[in-house]
Amino acid sequence: MEREEAAGRAESAGRAESRPALALALICTVGFLVLAWAAVPWDPVPGGRVEPVAATDVFTAKQIAAGEAYSRVARWLGWIGLAISLATTCLVGFTRWGARLVSRVPGPWWVQALAGVLLVHLLVRWLTLPISGLAHRHRLEHGLSTQGWAAWARDVVVSELISVVVTWLALLVVIGCARRWRVWWTWLAGGAVAALVVLGSFVYPVLVEPLFNSFEPLADGPLRTEIFELADREGVVIEDVLVADASRRTTTLNAYVSGLWGSRRVVVYDTLVEDLPQDQALSVVAHELAHARHDDVLLGTGLGALGSALGVAALGLLLGQRAADASSVPRILALVAVATLMTAPVESGISRRIETRADVDALTATRDAEAFERMQVRLAVRALADPTPPRWAQIWWGSHPATLERIGVARQLEPGQ
């Protein structure tokens, strides 16, 4: 009788502890859906659905063959690396092996948490390092990378250190809250992790990006003048446009916008400034200014913060008070890895629509669909991009529309079409 009563009390306590996590999960899910519905451009192209152009309309047979050959190997290397990473993380996290190793580490719980992060991250990195090396050699052989092996190894180490520190900080919040507050820890941890996501958007451009590139203002000249005039037409206030010394790593052409408000900046690769004609470079910059105009980084940060809080709520539902034990770190990381893979189509789908809206705004601002099309072709040829990637891979991981779809947008919006 006493045993049954004890079991009943434990079950009742478990239900009481899970209710806040369930409520947080529901609130974050509704919040994510409302924000996505209200702010994501689900129909970004005037005129509706866009048909991709035929690859042979814009690429030569040689260019198509080169892109397909390079991308086929690159995709397989990526998939193999992902499979090894996921399998290793799940093996360590969903068996008793990882928990046992972490629990044997001497010291306080936060030291054990760091040990758990190092165990998973370093094991995954060690097992996937040959694949990463093959991928780098593949880029070198095809002229897409200018980075020597020593510089590449340095970037691998720095990236891994950043990943370990960020993961450890997030887990300190989760485990610390679970240890301190038995019932409401998911709310406190979820709010703190969401705040870390927002903080990351501010500090990433200032603290992390300089670890990989040097930046300097775009030199005075016609391009700089045109960019500021373009920003005025798009209604975007910019303090400066920065040039990254990307040529010491890659031959590809790119630009991006990052940061929030005071830390927001438009960055262009030096390869883009040096190798693209001015009208095509302006088309790229117009795309990035559109992101700034619509505060797309803020939107992504908001969705990421809600998604992170939802993840904490899911941990509360799946692990309960076991999340307060540092030995659960490998299992938490395994759950995060699986969730990241399963939610990738949602993240990619939202990203593609945001990128399409930026393309539409760029075309409207520059009124130069021809330059936009030439730019897309040149970027794809330089990057040896596959003109027709596998549909399922594009749905799962494609953060940008495929090149042929983007050219289709330009042709649909071109006057007289």
Protein backbone atom coordinates (compact mmCIF):
# COMPACT_ATOMS: atom_id res chain seq x y z
CA MET A 1 0.00 0.00 0.00
CA GLU A 2 2.78 2.42 0.98
CA ARG A 3 4.62 1.62 -2.24
CA GLU A 4 1.50 2.32 -4.30
CA GLU A 5 0.92 5.59 -2.47
CA ALA A 6 4.53 6.62 -3.08
CA ALA A 7 4.21 5.78 -6.74
CA GLY A 8 0.99 7.79 -6.94
CA ARG A 9 2.64 10.80 -5.30
CA ALA A 10 5.58 10.57 -7.70
CA GLU A 11 3.24 10.38 -10.67
CA SER A 12 1.27 13.37 -9.42
CA ALA A 13 4.45 15.35 -8.86
CA GLY A 14 5.65 14.44 -12.36
CA ARG A 15 2.42 15.74 -13.87
CA ALA A 16 2.69 18.95 -11.87
CA GLU A 17 6.26 19.49 -13.05
CA SER A 18 5.41 18.82 -16.69
CA ARG A 19 2.50 21.29 -16.86
CA PRO A 20 4.67 24.43 -17.00
CA ALA A 21 6.81 22.85 -19.73
CA LEU A 22 3.70 21.92 -21.72
CA ALA A 23 2.30 25.45 -21.32
CA LEU A 24 5.61 26.96 -22.45
CA ALA A 25 5.70 24.65 -25.46
CA LEU A 26 2.19 25.68 -26.49
CA ILE A 27 2.90 29.40 -26.03
CA CYS A 28 6.17 29.24 -28.00
CA THR A 29 4.54 27.22 -30.77
CA VAL A 30 1.69 29.69 -31.10
CA GLY A 31 4.13 32.61 -30.91
CA PHE A 32 6.33 31.10 -33.62
CA LEU A 33 3.36 30.43 -35.89
CA VAL A 34 1.90 33.92 -35.38
CA LEU A 35 5.23 35.65 -36.03
CA ALA A 36 5.89 33.49 -39.08
CA TRP A 37 2.38 34.09 -40.43
CA ALA A 38 2.57 37.84 -39.87
CA ALA A 39 6.17 38.60 -40.86
CA VAL A 40 7.36 35.94 -43.32
CA PRO A 41 6.58 36.84 -46.97
CA TRP A 42 4.73 33.69 -47.99
CA ASP A 43 3.90 35.08 -51.47
CA PRO A 44 6.85 37.36 -52.16
CA VAL A 45 6.62 37.48 -55.96
CA PRO A 46 3.98 39.67 -57.64
CA GLY A 47 2.06 37.57 -60.09
CA GLY A 48 2.24 34.39 -58.07
CA ARG A 49 4.13 31.19 -58.70
CA VAL A 50 7.38 31.46 -60.66
CA GLU A 51 8.52 28.82 -63.11
CA PRO A 52 12.27 28.19 -63.15
CA VAL A 53 13.96 28.84 -66.47
CA ALA A 54 15.58 25.95 -68.33
CA ALA A 55 19.22 25.40 -67.44
CA THR A 56 20.20 25.38 -71.11
CA ASP A 57 18.72 28.89 -71.50
CA VAL A 58 21.41 30.47 -69.33
CA PHE A 59 24.26 27.95 -68.97
CA THR A 60 26.41 26.19 -71.51
CA ALA A 61 26.57 22.40 -71.55
CA LYS A 62 30.12 22.62 -70.16
CA GLN A 63 29.04 24.84 -67.27
CA ILE A 64 26.13 22.54 -66.42
CA ALA A 65 28.39 19.47 -66.46
CA ALA A 66 31.02 21.19 -64.29
CA GLY A 67 28.45 22.31 -61.71
CA GLU A 68 26.82 18.90 -61.53
CA ALA A 69 30.14 17.06 -61.24
CA TYR A 70 31.47 19.27 -58.45
CA SER A 71 28.18 19.43 -56.54
CA ARG A 72 27.62 15.68 -56.72
CA VAL A 73 30.84 14.97 -54.80
CA ALA A 74 30.34 17.92 -52.43
CA ARG A 75 26.82 16.77 -51.56
CA TRP A 76 27.90 13.20 -50.86
CA LEU A 77 30.73 14.39 -48.62
CA GLY A 78 28.26 16.60 -46.76
CA TRP A 79 25.74 13.81 -46.36
CA ILE A 80 28.38 11.35 -45.14
CA GLY A 81 29.66 13.90 -42.63
CA LEU A 82 26.13 14.57 -41.41
CA ALA A 83 25.42 10.85 -41.04
CA ILE A 84 28.60 10.27 -39.04
CA SER A 85 27.92 13.29 -36.84
CA LEU A 86 24.32 12.33 -36.15
CA ALA A 87 25.08 8.66 -35.56
CA THR A 88 27.94 9.48 -33.17
CA THR A 89 25.91 12.02 -31.20
CA CYS A 90 22.98 9.63 -30.88
CA LEU A 91 25.21 6.70 -29.90
CA VAL A 92 26.82 8.72 -27.12
CA GLY A 93 23.60 10.42 -26.03
CA PHE A 94 21.00 7.67 -26.24
CA THR A 95 23.08 4.95 -24.61
CA ARG A 96 24.43 4.80 -21.07
CA TRP A 97 28.00 5.23 -22.29
CA GLY A 98 27.99 9.02 -22.49
CA ALA A 99 26.25 9.53 -19.13
CA ARG A 100 28.64 7.15 -17.39
CA LEU A 101 31.72 8.92 -18.71
CA VAL A 102 30.42 12.34 -17.71
CA SER A 103 29.38 11.20 -14.24
CA ARG A 104 32.92 9.94 -13.59
CA VAL A 105 34.47 13.37 -14.17
CA PRO A 106 35.54 14.84 -10.81
CA GLY A 107 34.41 18.31 -9.85
CA PRO A 108 31.20 20.36 -9.65
CA TRP A 109 28.30 19.95 -12.07
CA TRP A 110 29.38 22.77 -14.37
CA VAL A 111 32.74 21.05 -14.90
CA GLN A 112 30.92 17.81 -15.74
CA ALA A 113 28.71 19.75 -18.16
CA LEU A 114 31.80 21.07 -19.94
CA ALA A 115 33.19 17.56 -20.04
CA GLY A 116 29.99 16.32 -21.67
CA VAL A 117 30.13 19.04 -24.32
CA LEU A 118 33.80 18.31 -25.03
CA LEU A 119 33.13 14.57 -25.21
CA VAL A 120 30.46 14.91 -27.88
CA HIS A 121 31.97 17.78 -29.87
CA LEU A 122 35.52 16.48 -30.00
CA LEU A 123 34.46 12.92 -30.77
CA VAL A 124 32.26 14.12 -33.63
CA ARG A 125 35.00 16.43 -34.93
CA TRP A 126 37.60 13.66 -34.78
CA LEU A 127 35.41 11.18 -36.65
CA THR A 128 34.30 13.70 -39.30
CA LEU A 129 37.71 15.36 -39.75
CA PRO A 130 38.68 13.10 -42.68
CA ILE A 131 35.44 14.05 -44.47
CA SER A 132 36.06 17.74 -43.78
CA GLY A 133 39.58 17.36 -45.12
CA LEU A 134 38.33 15.68 -48.29
CA ALA A 135 35.79 18.47 -48.76
CA HIS A 136 38.52 21.10 -48.42
CA ARG A 137 40.74 19.25 -50.89
CA HIS A 138 37.77 19.06 -53.27
CA ARG A 139 37.38 22.84 -53.09
CA LEU A 140 41.12 23.34 -53.61
CA GLU A 141 41.20 21.06 -56.64
CA HIS A 142 38.36 22.97 -58.27
CA GLY A 143 39.76 26.40 -57.50
CA LEU A 144 37.05 27.42 -55.03
CA SER A 145 39.42 27.77 -52.08
CA THR A 146 42.63 29.75 -51.75
CA GLN A 147 43.25 28.62 -48.18
CA GLY A 148 46.22 26.48 -47.28
CA TRP A 149 45.98 23.54 -44.95
CA ALA A 150 47.42 25.38 -41.93
CA ALA A 151 44.94 28.24 -42.27
CA TRP A 152 42.12 25.75 -42.81
CA ALA A 153 43.10 23.85 -39.64
CA ARG A 154 43.19 27.13 -37.72
CA ASP A 155 39.61 27.91 -38.81
CA VAL A 156 38.46 24.42 -37.83
CA VAL A 157 39.93 24.82 -34.34
CA VAL A 158 38.49 28.32 -33.84
CA SER A 159 35.04 27.25 -35.07
CA GLU A 160 35.07 24.26 -32.73
CA LEU A 161 36.10 26.37 -29.74
CA ILE A 162 33.28 28.85 -30.43
CA SER A 163 30.77 26.02 -30.77
CA VAL A 164 31.93 24.42 -27.50
CA VAL A 165 31.74 27.70 -25.56
CA VAL A 166 28.30 28.65 -26.90
CA THR A 167 26.89 25.17 -26.28
CA TRP A 168 28.35 25.06 -22.79
CA LEU A 169 26.89 28.46 -21.87
CA ALA A 170 23.44 27.41 -23.05
CA LEU A 171 23.65 24.18 -21.07
CA LEU A 172 24.82 26.02 -17.96
CA VAL A 173 21.59 28.01 -18.15
CA VAL A 174 19.39 24.95 -18.69
CA ILE A 175 20.99 22.72 -16.08
CA GLY A 176 21.44 25.54 -13.57
CA CYS A 177 17.77 26.51 -13.77
CA ALA A 178 16.67 22.87 -13.54
CA ARG A 179 18.77 22.42 -10.40
CA ARG A 180 17.50 25.60 -8.77
CA TRP A 181 13.79 25.60 -9.69
CA ARG A 182 12.12 22.21 -9.83
CA VAL A 183 8.77 23.17 -11.36
CA TRP A 184 9.21 26.39 -13.33
CA TRP A 185 12.76 25.87 -14.58
CA THR A 186 11.70 25.52 -18.20
CA TRP A 187 10.23 29.05 -18.21
CA LEU A 188 13.32 30.59 -16.66
CA ALA A 189 15.75 28.59 -18.79
CA GLY A 190 13.68 29.13 -21.94
CA GLY A 191 13.64 32.89 -21.40
CA ALA A 192 17.36 32.97 -20.69
CA VAL A 193 18.24 30.88 -23.76
CA ALA A 194 16.03 33.09 -25.92
CA ALA A 195 17.86 36.13 -24.53
CA LEU A 196 21.18 34.49 -25.44
CA VAL A 197 19.96 34.12 -29.04
CA VAL A 198 19.12 37.83 -29.17
CA LEU A 199 22.45 38.73 -27.57
CA GLY A 200 24.22 36.59 -30.14
CA SER A 201 22.80 38.66 -32.97
CA PHE A 202 24.39 41.74 -31.44
CA VAL A 203 27.79 40.31 -30.53
CA TYR A 204 28.37 37.96 -33.50
CA PRO A 205 29.37 40.73 -35.95
CA VAL A 206 31.57 42.38 -33.33
CA LEU A 207 33.24 39.40 -31.66
CA VAL A 208 33.03 36.39 -33.98
CA GLU A 209 33.24 37.67 -37.56
CA PRO A 210 36.60 39.42 -36.94
CA LEU A 211 38.08 36.05 -35.93
CA PHE A 212 37.73 34.90 -39.54
CA ASN A 213 37.97 38.04 -41.65
CA SER A 214 39.30 41.57 -41.61
CA PHE A 215 36.96 44.38 -42.60
CA GLU A 216 37.51 47.84 -44.00
CA PRO A 217 35.15 50.47 -45.41
CA LEU A 218 34.49 50.33 -49.12
CA ALA A 219 36.79 52.86 -50.78
CA ASP A 220 35.42 56.12 -52.14
CA GLY A 221 34.39 55.85 -55.76
CA PRO A 222 31.47 55.32 -58.11
CA LEU A 223 30.42 52.04 -56.49
CA ARG A 224 30.31 53.54 -53.00
CA THR A 225 28.34 56.55 -54.27
CA GLU A 226 25.86 54.32 -56.10
CA ILE A 227 25.39 52.14 -53.02
CA PHE A 228 24.42 55.09 -50.84
CA GLU A 229 22.05 56.36 -53.53
CA LEU A 230 20.55 52.89 -53.76
CA ALA A 231 20.12 52.78 -49.97
CA ASP A 232 18.23 56.08 -50.14
CA ARG A 233 15.87 54.67 -52.78
CA GLU A 234 15.23 51.59 -50.65
CA GLY A 235 14.68 53.71 -47.53
CA VAL A 236 17.59 52.15 -45.63
CA VAL A 237 19.91 54.17 -43.43
CA ILE A 238 23.46 52.81 -43.54
CA GLU A 239 26.54 54.14 -41.80
CA ASP A 240 28.97 52.25 -43.99
CA VAL A 241 29.53 49.31 -46.31
CA LEU A 242 32.37 47.00 -45.31
CA VAL A 243 34.61 44.86 -47.49
CA ALA A 244 35.75 41.49 -46.11
CA ASP A 245 39.11 40.04 -47.17
CA ALA A 246 37.43 36.82 -48.27
CA SER A 247 39.92 36.26 -51.09
CA ARG A 248 42.39 34.73 -48.64
CA ARG A 249 39.93 31.87 -48.23
CA THR A 250 37.76 31.61 -51.31
CA THR A 251 37.29 32.65 -54.92
CA THR A 252 33.48 32.73 -54.67
CA LEU A 253 31.45 35.95 -54.68
CA ASN A 254 29.15 36.83 -51.80
CA ALA A 255 27.67 39.53 -49.58
CA TYR A 256 25.56 39.47 -46.44
CA VAL A 257 23.92 41.57 -43.76
CA SER A 258 24.29 40.77 -40.07
CA GLY A 259 23.73 42.28 -36.66
CA LEU A 260 20.92 44.36 -35.22
CA TRP A 261 20.55 48.15 -35.19
CA GLY A 262 23.87 49.52 -33.93
CA SER A 263 25.77 46.37 -34.93
CA ARG A 264 23.98 45.96 -38.28
CA ARG A 265 26.24 46.05 -41.29
CA VAL A 266 26.28 45.21 -44.97
CA VAL A 267 29.40 43.26 -45.89
CA VAL A 268 30.63 42.46 -49.39
CA TYR A 269 33.46 40.11 -50.30
CA ASP A 270 36.52 41.72 -51.85
CA THR A 271 36.20 39.15 -54.65
CA LEU A 272 32.78 40.59 -55.46
CA VAL A 273 34.03 44.18 -55.51
CA GLU A 274 36.99 43.32 -57.71
CA ASP A 275 35.42 40.82 -60.12
CA LEU A 276 31.82 41.94 -60.70
CA PRO A 277 30.84 44.79 -63.01
CA GLN A 278 29.31 47.69 -61.11
CA ASP A 279 25.73 47.07 -62.23
CA GLN A 280 25.92 43.44 -61.06
CA ALA A 281 27.60 44.41 -57.76
CA LEU A 282 24.80 46.90 -57.14
CA SER A 283 22.26 44.15 -57.71
CA VAL A 284 23.91 42.08 -54.98
CA VAL A 285 24.06 45.03 -52.58
CA ALA A 286 20.42 45.90 -53.30
CA HIS A 287 19.48 42.40 -52.19
CA GLU A 288 21.34 42.87 -48.91
CA LEU A 289 19.83 46.32 -48.37
CA ALA A 290 16.40 44.72 -48.76
CA HIS A 291 17.23 42.44 -45.83
CA ALA A 292 18.09 45.52 -43.77
CA ARG A 293 14.95 47.32 -44.92
CA HIS A 294 12.70 44.49 -43.73
CA ASP A 295 14.76 43.80 -40.58
CA ASP A 296 15.19 40.20 -41.68
CA VAL A 297 17.96 39.60 -39.14
CA LEU A 298 15.54 40.74 -36.43
CA LEU A 299 12.87 38.41 -37.80
CA GLY A 300 15.29 35.49 -37.87
CA THR A 301 16.42 36.32 -34.35
CA GLY A 302 12.84 36.42 -33.08
CA LEU A 303 11.98 33.09 -34.68
CA GLY A 304 15.22 31.60 -33.40
CA ALA A 305 14.55 32.82 -29.87
CA LEU A 306 11.06 31.31 -29.87
CA GLY A 307 12.39 28.08 -31.36
CA SER A 308 15.09 27.89 -28.68
CA ALA A 309 12.58 28.40 -25.88
CA LEU A 310 10.40 25.73 -27.47
CA GLY A 311 13.41 23.42 -27.44
CA VAL A 312 13.89 24.00 -23.72
CA ALA A 313 10.21 23.21 -23.14
CA ALA A 314 10.63 19.99 -25.13
CA LEU A 315 13.58 19.04 -22.95
CA GLY A 316 11.41 19.59 -19.90
CA LEU A 317 8.74 17.28 -21.30
CA LEU A 318 11.19 14.58 -22.39
CA LEU A 319 13.71 14.64 -19.54
CA GLY A 320 11.95 16.31 -16.61
CA GLN A 321 14.25 16.62 -13.61
CA ARG A 322 16.87 14.48 -15.31
CA ALA A 323 17.87 17.69 -17.08
CA ALA A 324 19.26 18.88 -13.73
CA ASP A 325 21.93 16.17 -13.86
CA ALA A 326 25.09 17.10 -15.78
CA SER A 327 25.39 13.51 -16.94
CA SER A 328 22.37 14.20 -19.17
CA VAL A 329 24.42 16.55 -21.38
CA PRO A 330 25.15 13.92 -24.08
CA ARG A 331 21.43 13.05 -24.25
CA ILE A 332 20.46 16.73 -24.50
CA LEU A 333 22.92 17.22 -27.36
CA ALA A 334 21.57 14.14 -29.13
CA LEU A 335 18.01 15.43 -28.83
CA VAL A 336 19.11 18.82 -30.17
CA ALA A 337 20.87 17.17 -33.11
CA VAL A 338 17.78 15.16 -34.05
CA ALA A 339 15.50 18.18 -33.64
CA THR A 340 17.81 20.32 -35.78
CA LEU A 341 17.68 17.79 -38.59
CA MET A 342 13.90 17.36 -38.40
CA THR A 343 13.15 21.10 -38.34
CA ALA A 344 15.58 21.97 -41.15
CA PRO A 345 12.83 22.05 -43.84
CA VAL A 346 10.88 24.63 -41.83
CA GLU A 347 13.92 26.85 -41.36
CA SER A 348 14.97 26.47 -44.99
CA GLY A 349 11.47 27.13 -46.31
CA ILE A 350 11.19 30.37 -44.34
CA SER A 351 14.67 31.43 -45.43
CA ARG A 352 13.93 30.85 -49.12
CA ARG A 353 10.86 33.09 -48.98
CA ILE A 354 12.78 35.85 -47.22
CA GLU A 355 15.55 35.59 -49.81
CA THR A 356 12.99 35.73 -52.63
CA ARG A 357 11.51 38.91 -51.19
CA ALA A 358 14.99 40.44 -51.11
CA ASP A 359 15.43 39.50 -54.78
CA VAL A 360 12.12 41.17 -55.67
CA ASP A 361 13.08 44.33 -53.76
CA ALA A 362 16.51 44.39 -55.42
CA LEU A 363 14.94 44.12 -58.87
CA THR A 364 12.48 46.88 -58.04
CA ALA A 365 15.19 49.19 -56.68
CA THR A 366 17.73 48.70 -59.47
CA ARG A 367 15.22 48.29 -62.33
CA ASP A 368 17.86 46.17 -64.02
CA ALA A 369 16.67 42.57 -64.48
CA GLU A 370 19.37 41.95 -67.08
CA ALA A 371 22.18 42.77 -64.63
CA PHE A 372 20.47 40.63 -61.98
CA GLU A 373 20.35 37.65 -64.35
CA ARG A 374 23.97 38.04 -65.45
CA MET A 375 24.99 38.32 -61.81
CA GLN A 376 23.15 35.13 -60.86
CA VAL A 377 24.79 33.25 -63.72
CA ARG A 378 28.25 34.53 -62.82
CA LEU A 379 27.85 33.66 -59.13
CA ALA A 380 26.66 30.15 -60.00
CA VAL A 381 29.46 29.53 -62.50
CA ARG A 382 32.09 30.83 -60.10
CA ALA A 383 30.77 28.63 -57.27
CA LEU A 384 30.30 25.58 -59.54
CA ALA A 385 26.70 25.41 -58.35
CA ASP A 386 24.42 22.65 -59.58
CA PRO A 387 21.73 24.34 -61.73
CA THR A 388 19.23 21.60 -60.87
CA PRO A 389 19.89 20.32 -57.33
CA PRO A 390 17.83 17.36 -56.06
CA ARG A 391 14.39 18.61 -55.12
CA TRP A 392 14.32 16.95 -51.71
CA ALA A 393 17.78 18.31 -50.81
CA GLN A 394 16.67 21.81 -51.81
CA ILE A 395 13.55 21.50 -49.65
CA TRP A 396 15.53 20.19 -46.68
CA TRP A 397 18.63 22.39 -46.73
CA GLY A 398 18.25 25.03 -49.44
CA SER A 399 18.42 28.38 -47.64
CA HIS A 400 18.19 30.27 -50.97
CA PRO A 401 16.09 29.63 -54.05
CA ALA A 402 17.93 27.76 -56.78
CA THR A 403 19.61 29.91 -59.42
CA LEU A 404 17.10 29.00 -62.13
CA GLU A 405 14.21 30.01 -59.86
CA ARG A 406 15.85 33.37 -59.10
CA ILE A 407 16.34 34.07 -62.78
CA GLY A 408 12.70 33.10 -63.31
CA VAL A 409 11.71 35.80 -60.80
CA ALA A 410 13.76 38.39 -62.69
CA ARG A 411 12.17 37.49 -66.00
CA GLN A 412 8.67 37.50 -64.53
CA LEU A 413 9.21 41.01 -63.11
CA GLU A 414 11.01 42.37 -66.18
CA PRO A 415 8.97 45.06 -67.94
CA GLY A 416 7.26 43.72 -71.03
CA GLN A 417 7.25 40.11 -69.81
